[in-house]
Amino acid sequence: MLALRSLTFMFVLLGSLCQAQVQSDATIIFTGPDQLDRQLKGLPDSIEPDAVLSTATEQAGIYRSSQATGTNSWSVDLPALSTDPIAGTHLMVFAPEPSTGDVTLLLNGSGPYPVITGPDSSFDASNVPAGTPLSLVFDGTSFHVLNGSVYARKPCAEGTVAVNEEFCIEPVEHAETDFFTAILNCAANGMRLCNWTEFIVACNKATELSIPGMLGNWEWNDDAVNENGTARIAGSTGCGVTGTALVSGSIDRGYHCCYTR
């Protein structure tokens, strides 16, 4: 066993010359039957900006983790960071109580910086519950959220109602038209023609969701069937009643647009 109390040291390991300087206020102890087993121990679990990271500090990540405060204007204090963030700075931030609106981040008084989920895509404060750990990486101007909103459901599009956690539907049936026009009309509003499964689910909740007109006439559904040039139609006499119709040359039919959450 060899104890070194010097503030700086130089060591030779495995026949290769390795030079390093480490400042320590504790005894540095090398132990083990031979050089392969000897390790540097005694480093404090410090998060000071100029401190050497111990393995425990690195594994815990406490030097980059902080609880955010505020509503949609978040503030984070991180003692381990003594300068303004540079590109590549990685933080683990715990979300405060949910609010609404685009999030900005003030880091040790520096900023505020936009928090985004992608190009021209702001992170909304309502996306995650309080205490959610968010992995943020700085690109020089904004902090990118690498997680968090992945599992969040999108809000229903304007003019639609939520049928369940998977999709939303327009509560008003569109006027009768041909199949392709129905598809294009839904797409023009950022939606799509409902498939047969969605029609059945929404139809069974029509009274609860105040969705009129889902029974009593055939509606277009965005499902192919086992006949060339045909699509599925539904809703004549019951939610699960189905039929087929030619997509070209057929009579016009009503339809509902759906939106994936």
C-alpha atoms as a PDB file:
ATOM      1  CA  MET A   1       0.000   0.000   0.000  1.00  0.00           C
ATOM      2  CA  LEU A   2       1.295   3.413  -0.925  1.00  0.00           C
ATOM      3  CA  ALA A   3      -0.189   6.653   0.431  1.00  0.00           C
ATOM      4  CA  LEU A   4       0.445   9.954  -1.332  1.00  0.00           C
ATOM      5  CA  ARG A   5      -0.556  13.201   0.312  1.00  0.00           C
ATOM      6  CA  SER A   6       0.847  15.489  -2.382  1.00  0.00           C
ATOM      7  CA  LEU A   7      -1.602  17.751  -4.207  1.00  0.00           C
ATOM      8  CA  THR A   8      -0.150  16.636  -7.533  1.00  0.00           C
ATOM      9  CA  PHE A   9       1.190  13.309  -8.583  1.00  0.00           C
ATOM     10  CA  MET A  10       2.659  11.437 -11.512  1.00  0.00           C
ATOM     11  CA  PHE A  11       2.292   7.720 -11.978  1.00  0.00           C
ATOM     12  CA  VAL A  12       3.549   5.013 -14.325  1.00  0.00           C
ATOM     13  CA  LEU A  13       1.078   2.246 -15.219  1.00  0.00           C
ATOM     14  CA  LEU A  14       1.681  -1.020 -17.063  1.00  0.00           C
ATOM     15  CA  GLY A  15       4.985   0.075 -18.561  1.00  0.00           C
ATOM     16  CA  SER A  16       3.382   2.969 -20.490  1.00  0.00           C
ATOM     17  CA  LEU A  17       4.071   6.487 -19.362  1.00  0.00           C
ATOM     18  CA  CYS A  18       0.850   8.174 -18.226  1.00  0.00           C
ATOM     19  CA  GLN A  19       1.035  11.655 -16.754  1.00  0.00           C
ATOM     20  CA  ALA A  20      -1.806  13.373 -14.950  1.00  0.00           C
ATOM     21  CA  GLN A  21      -2.341  16.075 -12.390  1.00  0.00           C
ATOM     22  CA  VAL A  22      -5.125  15.783  -9.865  1.00  0.00           C
ATOM     23  CA  GLN A  23      -5.845  18.180  -7.034  1.00  0.00           C
ATOM     24  CA  SER A  24      -7.207  16.476  -3.945  1.00  0.00           C
ATOM     25  CA  ASP A  25      -7.811  17.445  -0.338  1.00  0.00           C
ATOM     26  CA  ALA A  26      -7.838  13.779   0.748  1.00  0.00           C
ATOM     27  CA  THR A  27      -5.321  10.956   0.870  1.00  0.00           C
ATOM     28  CA  ILE A  28      -4.888   9.168  -2.457  1.00  0.00           C
ATOM     29  CA  ILE A  29      -4.536   5.431  -1.852  1.00  0.00           C
ATOM     30  CA  PHE A  30      -3.454   2.736  -4.291  1.00  0.00           C
ATOM     31  CA  THR A  31      -4.334  -0.815  -3.189  1.00  0.00           C
ATOM     32  CA  GLY A  32      -4.119  -4.282  -4.700  1.00  0.00           C
ATOM     33  CA  PRO A  33      -1.601  -7.115  -5.005  1.00  0.00           C
ATOM     34  CA  ASP A  34      -0.191  -5.738  -8.253  1.00  0.00           C
ATOM     35  CA  GLN A  35      -0.483  -2.748 -10.572  1.00  0.00           C
ATOM     36  CA  LEU A  36      -3.481  -4.185 -12.449  1.00  0.00           C
ATOM     37  CA  ASP A  37      -5.560  -4.078  -9.287  1.00  0.00           C
ATOM     38  CA  ARG A  38      -4.566  -0.631  -8.114  1.00  0.00           C
ATOM     39  CA  GLN A  39      -7.136   2.153  -8.359  1.00  0.00           C
ATOM     40  CA  LEU A  40      -7.347   5.821  -7.518  1.00  0.00           C
ATOM     41  CA  LYS A  41      -9.681   6.276  -4.574  1.00  0.00           C
ATOM     42  CA  GLY A  42     -10.675   9.020  -2.181  1.00  0.00           C
ATOM     43  CA  LEU A  43     -12.211  11.464  -4.663  1.00  0.00           C
ATOM     44  CA  PRO A  44     -15.130  13.357  -3.067  1.00  0.00           C
ATOM     45  CA  ASP A  45     -18.598  13.207  -4.625  1.00  0.00           C
ATOM     46  CA  SER A  46     -18.360  16.847  -5.675  1.00  0.00           C
ATOM     47  CA  ILE A  47     -20.344  18.759  -8.301  1.00  0.00           C
ATOM     48  CA  GLU A  48     -18.167  21.877  -8.226  1.00  0.00           C
ATOM     49  CA  PRO A  49     -17.264  23.165 -11.718  1.00  0.00           C
ATOM     50  CA  ASP A  50     -13.513  22.457 -11.313  1.00  0.00           C
ATOM     51  CA  ALA A  51     -13.835  19.163  -9.409  1.00  0.00           C
ATOM     52  CA  VAL A  52     -12.797  15.717 -10.631  1.00  0.00           C
ATOM     53  CA  LEU A  53     -15.902  13.558 -11.097  1.00  0.00           C
ATOM     54  CA  SER A  54     -16.011  10.407  -9.043  1.00  0.00           C
ATOM     55  CA  THR A  55     -17.635   7.336 -10.553  1.00  0.00           C
ATOM     56  CA  ALA A  56     -20.561   7.677  -8.143  1.00  0.00           C
ATOM     57  CA  THR A  57     -21.175  11.286  -9.209  1.00  0.00           C
ATOM     58  CA  GLU A  58     -21.025  10.373 -12.889  1.00  0.00           C
ATOM     59  CA  GLN A  59     -23.350   7.394 -12.476  1.00  0.00           C
ATOM     60  CA  ALA A  60     -25.862   9.446 -10.506  1.00  0.00           C
ATOM     61  CA  GLY A  61     -25.741  12.290 -13.012  1.00  0.00           C
ATOM     62  CA  ILE A  62     -26.423  14.778 -10.212  1.00  0.00           C
ATOM     63  CA  TYR A  63     -24.094  17.365 -11.726  1.00  0.00           C
ATOM     64  CA  ARG A  64     -26.412  17.780 -14.707  1.00  0.00           C
ATOM     65  CA  SER A  65     -29.792  17.166 -13.003  1.00  0.00           C
ATOM     66  CA  SER A  66     -32.112  19.800 -11.579  1.00  0.00           C
ATOM     67  CA  GLN A  67     -35.745  20.441 -10.688  1.00  0.00           C
ATOM     68  CA  ALA A  68     -37.287  23.107 -12.902  1.00  0.00           C
ATOM     69  CA  THR A  69     -39.497  25.789 -11.400  1.00  0.00           C
ATOM     70  CA  GLY A  70     -42.045  28.057 -13.003  1.00  0.00           C
ATOM     71  CA  THR A  71     -44.961  27.498 -15.349  1.00  0.00           C
ATOM     72  CA  ASN A  72     -44.113  27.616 -19.051  1.00  0.00           C
ATOM     73  CA  SER A  73     -41.052  29.808 -18.312  1.00  0.00           C
ATOM     74  CA  TRP A  74     -38.839  27.281 -16.557  1.00  0.00           C
ATOM     75  CA  SER A  75     -35.865  28.188 -14.386  1.00  0.00           C
ATOM     76  CA  VAL A  76     -33.046  25.753 -13.525  1.00  0.00           C
ATOM     77  CA  ASP A  77     -30.081  26.206 -11.170  1.00  0.00           C
ATOM     78  CA  LEU A  78     -27.067  23.985 -11.855  1.00  0.00           C
ATOM     79  CA  PRO A  79     -24.027  24.677  -9.608  1.00  0.00           C
ATOM     80  CA  ALA A  80     -21.781  22.381 -11.670  1.00  0.00           C
ATOM     81  CA  LEU A  81     -22.096  24.690 -14.702  1.00  0.00           C
ATOM     82  CA  SER A  82     -20.068  27.861 -14.172  1.00  0.00           C
ATOM     83  CA  THR A  83     -20.467  29.313 -17.680  1.00  0.00           C
ATOM     84  CA  ASP A  84     -23.262  29.829 -20.176  1.00  0.00           C
ATOM     85  CA  PRO A  85     -24.230  26.556 -21.907  1.00  0.00           C
ATOM     86  CA  ILE A  86     -22.331  25.628 -25.044  1.00  0.00           C
ATOM     87  CA  ALA A  87     -23.527  23.458 -27.922  1.00  0.00           C
ATOM     88  CA  GLY A  88     -23.707  19.867 -26.690  1.00  0.00           C
ATOM     89  CA  THR A  89     -24.572  20.719 -23.075  1.00  0.00           C
ATOM     90  CA  HIS A  90     -26.746  17.884 -21.759  1.00  0.00           C
ATOM     91  CA  LEU A  91     -29.200  18.400 -18.902  1.00  0.00           C
ATOM     92  CA  MET A  92     -31.677  16.187 -17.057  1.00  0.00           C
ATOM     93  CA  VAL A  93     -34.528  18.453 -15.984  1.00  0.00           C
ATOM     94  CA  PHE A  94     -37.509  17.411 -13.863  1.00  0.00           C
ATOM     95  CA  ALA A  95     -40.689  19.076 -15.113  1.00  0.00           C
ATOM     96  CA  PRO A  96     -42.634  21.378 -12.770  1.00  0.00           C
ATOM     97  CA  GLU A  97     -46.411  21.393 -12.404  1.00  0.00           C
ATOM     98  CA  PRO A  98     -48.063  21.317 -15.848  1.00  0.00           C
ATOM     99  CA  SER A  99     -49.137  24.554 -17.463  1.00  0.00           C
ATOM    100  CA  THR A 100     -49.865  25.534 -21.041  1.00  0.00           C
ATOM    101  CA  GLY A 101     -47.878  27.344 -23.703  1.00  0.00           C
ATOM    102  CA  ASP A 102     -44.449  27.077 -25.272  1.00  0.00           C
ATOM    103  CA  VAL A 103     -41.625  26.394 -22.806  1.00  0.00           C
ATOM    104  CA  THR A 104     -38.460  28.474 -22.399  1.00  0.00           C
ATOM    105  CA  LEU A 105     -35.574  27.626 -20.071  1.00  0.00           C
ATOM    106  CA  LEU A 106     -33.485  29.987 -17.935  1.00  0.00           C
ATOM    107  CA  LEU A 107     -30.261  28.196 -16.911  1.00  0.00           C
ATOM    108  CA  ASN A 108     -28.334  29.763 -14.016  1.00  0.00           C
ATOM    109  CA  GLY A 109     -29.769  33.099 -15.093  1.00  0.00           C
ATOM    110  CA  SER A 110     -28.645  32.616 -18.700  1.00  0.00           C
ATOM    111  CA  GLY A 111     -31.266  32.717 -21.408  1.00  0.00           C
ATOM    112  CA  PRO A 112     -34.137  32.221 -21.675  1.00  0.00           C
ATOM    113  CA  TYR A 113     -33.667  29.563 -24.359  1.00  0.00           C
ATOM    114  CA  PRO A 114     -36.519  27.976 -26.363  1.00  0.00           C
ATOM    115  CA  VAL A 115     -37.299  24.335 -25.556  1.00  0.00           C
ATOM    116  CA  ILE A 116     -38.240  22.441 -28.708  1.00  0.00           C
ATOM    117  CA  THR A 117     -39.055  18.930 -29.908  1.00  0.00           C
ATOM    118  CA  GLY A 118     -37.829  19.483 -33.463  1.00  0.00           C
ATOM    119  CA  PRO A 119     -37.344  22.165 -36.109  1.00  0.00           C
ATOM    120  CA  ASP A 120     -40.016  24.840 -35.672  1.00  0.00           C
ATOM    121  CA  SER A 121     -41.766  22.630 -33.103  1.00  0.00           C
ATOM    122  CA  SER A 122     -42.030  24.109 -29.618  1.00  0.00           C
ATOM    123  CA  PHE A 123     -42.416  22.010 -26.493  1.00  0.00           C
ATOM    124  CA  ASP A 124     -45.728  22.663 -24.731  1.00  0.00           C
ATOM    125  CA  ALA A 125     -45.730  22.798 -20.930  1.00  0.00           C
ATOM    126  CA  SER A 126     -48.848  20.615 -20.818  1.00  0.00           C
ATOM    127  CA  ASN A 127     -47.127  17.692 -22.558  1.00  0.00           C
ATOM    128  CA  VAL A 128     -45.806  15.975 -19.431  1.00  0.00           C
ATOM    129  CA  PRO A 129     -46.882  15.616 -15.775  1.00  0.00           C
ATOM    130  CA  ALA A 130     -44.898  17.125 -12.910  1.00  0.00           C
ATOM    131  CA  GLY A 131     -41.705  15.269 -12.033  1.00  0.00           C
ATOM    132  CA  THR A 132     -41.167  13.819 -15.512  1.00  0.00           C
ATOM    133  CA  PRO A 133     -37.409  13.628 -16.240  1.00  0.00           C
ATOM    134  CA  LEU A 134     -36.640  15.358 -19.524  1.00  0.00           C
ATOM    135  CA  SER A 135     -33.373  14.847 -21.387  1.00  0.00           C
ATOM    136  CA  LEU A 136     -32.377  18.182 -22.937  1.00  0.00           C
ATOM    137  CA  VAL A 137     -29.466  18.903 -25.294  1.00  0.00           C
ATOM    138  CA  PHE A 138     -28.386  22.424 -26.227  1.00  0.00           C
ATOM    139  CA  ASP A 139     -27.702  23.222 -29.901  1.00  0.00           C
ATOM    140  CA  GLY A 140     -26.304  26.684 -29.267  1.00  0.00           C
ATOM    141  CA  THR A 141     -29.641  28.480 -29.377  1.00  0.00           C
ATOM    142  CA  SER A 142     -32.314  26.035 -28.147  1.00  0.00           C
ATOM    143  CA  PHE A 143     -32.707  23.002 -25.895  1.00  0.00           C
ATOM    144  CA  HIS A 144     -33.980  19.899 -27.703  1.00  0.00           C
ATOM    145  CA  VAL A 145     -36.223  17.499 -25.771  1.00  0.00           C
ATOM    146  CA  LEU A 146     -35.038  13.963 -26.496  1.00  0.00           C
ATOM    147  CA  ASN A 147     -37.925  12.320 -24.657  1.00  0.00           C
ATOM    148  CA  GLY A 148     -41.019  13.296 -22.723  1.00  0.00           C
ATOM    149  CA  SER A 149     -43.501  14.051 -25.478  1.00  0.00           C
ATOM    150  CA  VAL A 150     -42.992  10.674 -27.131  1.00  0.00           C
ATOM    151  CA  TYR A 151     -45.808   9.095 -25.131  1.00  0.00           C
ATOM    152  CA  ALA A 152     -48.038  12.152 -24.952  1.00  0.00           C
ATOM    153  CA  ARG A 153     -51.303  12.066 -26.896  1.00  0.00           C
ATOM    154  CA  LYS A 154     -51.824  14.865 -29.375  1.00  0.00           C
ATOM    155  CA  PRO A 155     -54.814  17.061 -28.638  1.00  0.00           C
ATOM    156  CA  CYS A 156     -57.762  16.602 -30.968  1.00  0.00           C
ATOM    157  CA  ALA A 157     -57.764  18.794 -34.045  1.00  0.00           C
ATOM    158  CA  GLU A 158     -60.060  21.792 -33.997  1.00  0.00           C
ATOM    159  CA  GLY A 159     -63.632  20.796 -34.797  1.00  0.00           C
ATOM    160  CA  THR A 160     -63.234  17.165 -33.655  1.00  0.00           C
ATOM    161  CA  VAL A 161     -64.089  15.260 -30.473  1.00  0.00           C
ATOM    162  CA  ALA A 162     -62.034  12.566 -28.758  1.00  0.00           C
ATOM    163  CA  VAL A 163     -63.481   9.092 -29.223  1.00  0.00           C
ATOM    164  CA  ASN A 164     -60.687   7.484 -27.165  1.00  0.00           C
ATOM    165  CA  GLU A 165     -56.945   7.897 -26.638  1.00  0.00           C
ATOM    166  CA  GLU A 166     -56.253   6.748 -30.190  1.00  0.00           C
ATOM    167  CA  PHE A 167     -58.327   9.003 -32.427  1.00  0.00           C
ATOM    168  CA  CYS A 168     -60.764  11.890 -32.740  1.00  0.00           C
ATOM    169  CA  ILE A 169     -63.699  12.326 -35.126  1.00  0.00           C
ATOM    170  CA  GLU A 170     -65.657  15.169 -36.647  1.00  0.00           C
ATOM    171  CA  PRO A 171     -69.087  15.178 -34.980  1.00  0.00           C
ATOM    172  CA  VAL A 172     -70.869  16.348 -38.157  1.00  0.00           C
ATOM    173  CA  GLU A 173     -71.346  14.134 -41.197  1.00  0.00           C
ATOM    174  CA  HIS A 174     -70.116  15.660 -44.447  1.00  0.00           C
ATOM    175  CA  ALA A 175     -72.393  16.025 -47.445  1.00  0.00           C
ATOM    176  CA  GLU A 176     -72.559  13.153 -49.895  1.00  0.00           C
ATOM    177  CA  THR A 177     -69.749  12.979 -52.432  1.00  0.00           C
ATOM    178  CA  ASP A 178     -67.632  10.427 -54.268  1.00  0.00           C
ATOM    179  CA  PHE A 179     -64.979   8.342 -52.461  1.00  0.00           C
ATOM    180  CA  PHE A 180     -61.887  10.174 -53.738  1.00  0.00           C
ATOM    181  CA  THR A 181     -63.304  13.617 -53.029  1.00  0.00           C
ATOM    182  CA  ALA A 182     -64.088  12.511 -49.469  1.00  0.00           C
ATOM    183  CA  ILE A 183     -60.457  11.462 -48.995  1.00  0.00           C
ATOM    184  CA  LEU A 184     -59.119  14.718 -50.427  1.00  0.00           C
ATOM    185  CA  ASN A 185     -61.478  16.845 -48.330  1.00  0.00           C
ATOM    186  CA  CYS A 186     -60.333  15.165 -45.109  1.00  0.00           C
ATOM    187  CA  ALA A 187     -56.674  15.498 -46.095  1.00  0.00           C
ATOM    188  CA  ALA A 188     -57.120  19.197 -46.876  1.00  0.00           C
ATOM    189  CA  ASN A 189     -58.028  19.710 -43.212  1.00  0.00           C
ATOM    190  CA  GLY A 190     -55.147  17.624 -41.833  1.00  0.00           C
ATOM    191  CA  MET A 191     -57.323  14.583 -41.225  1.00  0.00           C
ATOM    192  CA  ARG A 192     -58.249  11.374 -42.999  1.00  0.00           C
ATOM    193  CA  LEU A 193     -61.293   9.321 -43.865  1.00  0.00           C
ATOM    194  CA  CYS A 194     -62.287   7.149 -40.889  1.00  0.00           C
ATOM    195  CA  ASN A 195     -61.656   3.430 -41.258  1.00  0.00           C
ATOM    196  CA  TRP A 196     -64.331   0.847 -40.509  1.00  0.00           C
ATOM    197  CA  THR A 197     -63.067   0.027 -37.012  1.00  0.00           C
ATOM    198  CA  GLU A 198     -63.081   3.697 -36.064  1.00  0.00           C
ATOM    199  CA  PHE A 199     -66.569   4.096 -37.495  1.00  0.00           C
ATOM    200  CA  ILE A 200     -67.867   1.243 -35.335  1.00  0.00           C
ATOM    201  CA  VAL A 201     -66.226   2.566 -32.160  1.00  0.00           C
ATOM    202  CA  ALA A 202     -67.465   6.114 -32.737  1.00  0.00           C
ATOM    203  CA  CYS A 203     -70.919   4.913 -33.775  1.00  0.00           C
ATOM    204  CA  ASN A 204     -71.329   2.988 -30.515  1.00  0.00           C
ATOM    205  CA  LYS A 205     -70.507   6.206 -28.617  1.00  0.00           C
ATOM    206  CA  ALA A 206     -72.504   8.503 -30.899  1.00  0.00           C
ATOM    207  CA  THR A 207     -75.085   9.463 -28.263  1.00  0.00           C
ATOM    208  CA  GLU A 208     -72.441  10.044 -25.611  1.00  0.00           C
ATOM    209  CA  LEU A 209     -70.351  12.206 -27.956  1.00  0.00           C
ATOM    210  CA  SER A 210     -73.287  13.933 -29.679  1.00  0.00           C
ATOM    211  CA  ILE A 211     -72.367  12.616 -33.129  1.00  0.00           C
ATOM    212  CA  PRO A 212     -75.482  12.634 -35.346  1.00  0.00           C
ATOM    213  CA  GLY A 213     -76.039  10.884 -38.655  1.00  0.00           C
ATOM    214  CA  MET A 214     -73.944   7.757 -38.126  1.00  0.00           C
ATOM    215  CA  LEU A 215     -76.906   5.462 -38.768  1.00  0.00           C
ATOM    216  CA  GLY A 216     -79.605   5.438 -41.414  1.00  0.00           C
ATOM    217  CA  ASN A 217     -77.431   5.819 -44.497  1.00  0.00           C
ATOM    218  CA  TRP A 218     -74.265   4.364 -45.965  1.00  0.00           C
ATOM    219  CA  GLU A 219     -70.986   6.206 -45.272  1.00  0.00           C
ATOM    220  CA  TRP A 220     -67.607   5.866 -46.930  1.00  0.00           C
ATOM    221  CA  ASN A 221     -64.923   4.120 -44.873  1.00  0.00           C
ATOM    222  CA  ASP A 222     -61.247   4.071 -45.798  1.00  0.00           C
ATOM    223  CA  ASP A 223     -60.957   0.281 -46.050  1.00  0.00           C
ATOM    224  CA  ALA A 224     -60.324  -1.841 -49.084  1.00  0.00           C
ATOM    225  CA  VAL A 225     -62.368  -5.010 -49.535  1.00  0.00           C
ATOM    226  CA  ASN A 226     -61.862  -8.241 -51.446  1.00  0.00           C
ATOM    227  CA  GLU A 227     -63.222  -6.855 -54.685  1.00  0.00           C
ATOM    228  CA  ASN A 228     -61.266  -4.782 -57.182  1.00  0.00           C
ATOM    229  CA  GLY A 229     -62.072  -1.079 -57.193  1.00  0.00           C
ATOM    230  CA  THR A 230     -64.321  -1.175 -54.151  1.00  0.00           C
ATOM    231  CA  ALA A 231     -64.261   0.338 -50.664  1.00  0.00           C
ATOM    232  CA  ARG A 232     -66.139  -0.440 -47.481  1.00  0.00           C
ATOM    233  CA  ILE A 233     -69.319   1.429 -46.568  1.00  0.00           C
ATOM    234  CA  ALA A 234     -71.019   1.284 -43.182  1.00  0.00           C
ATOM    235  CA  GLY A 235     -73.838   2.620 -41.028  1.00  0.00           C
ATOM    236  CA  SER A 236     -76.997   1.697 -42.929  1.00  0.00           C
ATOM    237  CA  THR A 237     -78.934  -0.042 -40.156  1.00  0.00           C
ATOM    238  CA  GLY A 238     -76.396  -0.656 -37.407  1.00  0.00           C
ATOM    239  CA  CYS A 239     -72.908   0.294 -36.244  1.00  0.00           C
ATOM    240  CA  GLY A 240     -71.438  -3.030 -37.362  1.00  0.00           C
ATOM    241  CA  VAL A 241     -73.387  -3.364 -40.594  1.00  0.00           C
ATOM    242  CA  THR A 242     -71.097  -3.147 -43.619  1.00  0.00           C
ATOM    243  CA  GLY A 243     -71.231  -3.271 -47.367  1.00  0.00           C
ATOM    244  CA  THR A 244     -69.104  -2.528 -50.418  1.00  0.00           C
ATOM    245  CA  ALA A 245     -69.308   0.115 -53.109  1.00  0.00           C
ATOM    246  CA  LEU A 246     -67.375   0.969 -56.235  1.00  0.00           C
ATOM    247  CA  VAL A 247     -64.983   3.878 -55.694  1.00  0.00           C
ATOM    248  CA  SER A 248     -65.579   5.076 -59.255  1.00  0.00           C
ATOM    249  CA  GLY A 249     -68.992   5.349 -60.871  1.00  0.00           C
ATOM    250  CA  SER A 250     -70.855   4.671 -57.625  1.00  0.00           C
ATOM    251  CA  ILE A 251     -73.449   6.920 -56.012  1.00  0.00           C
ATOM    252  CA  ASP A 252     -72.270   9.701 -53.687  1.00  0.00           C
ATOM    253  CA  ARG A 253     -72.210   9.012 -49.946  1.00  0.00           C
ATOM    254  CA  GLY A 254     -71.639  10.916 -46.698  1.00  0.00           C
ATOM    255  CA  TYR A 255     -68.542  10.501 -44.544  1.00  0.00           C
ATOM    256  CA  HIS A 256     -66.752  11.499 -41.333  1.00  0.00           C
ATOM    257  CA  CYS A 257     -63.102  12.564 -41.043  1.00  0.00           C
ATOM    258  CA  CYS A 258     -60.893  11.179 -38.287  1.00  0.00           C
ATOM    259  CA  TYR A 259     -57.666  12.388 -36.666  1.00  0.00           C
ATOM    260  CA  THR A 260     -54.920  10.240 -35.120  1.00  0.00           C
ATOM    261  CA  ARG A 261     -53.812  11.373 -31.641  1.00  0.00           C
END
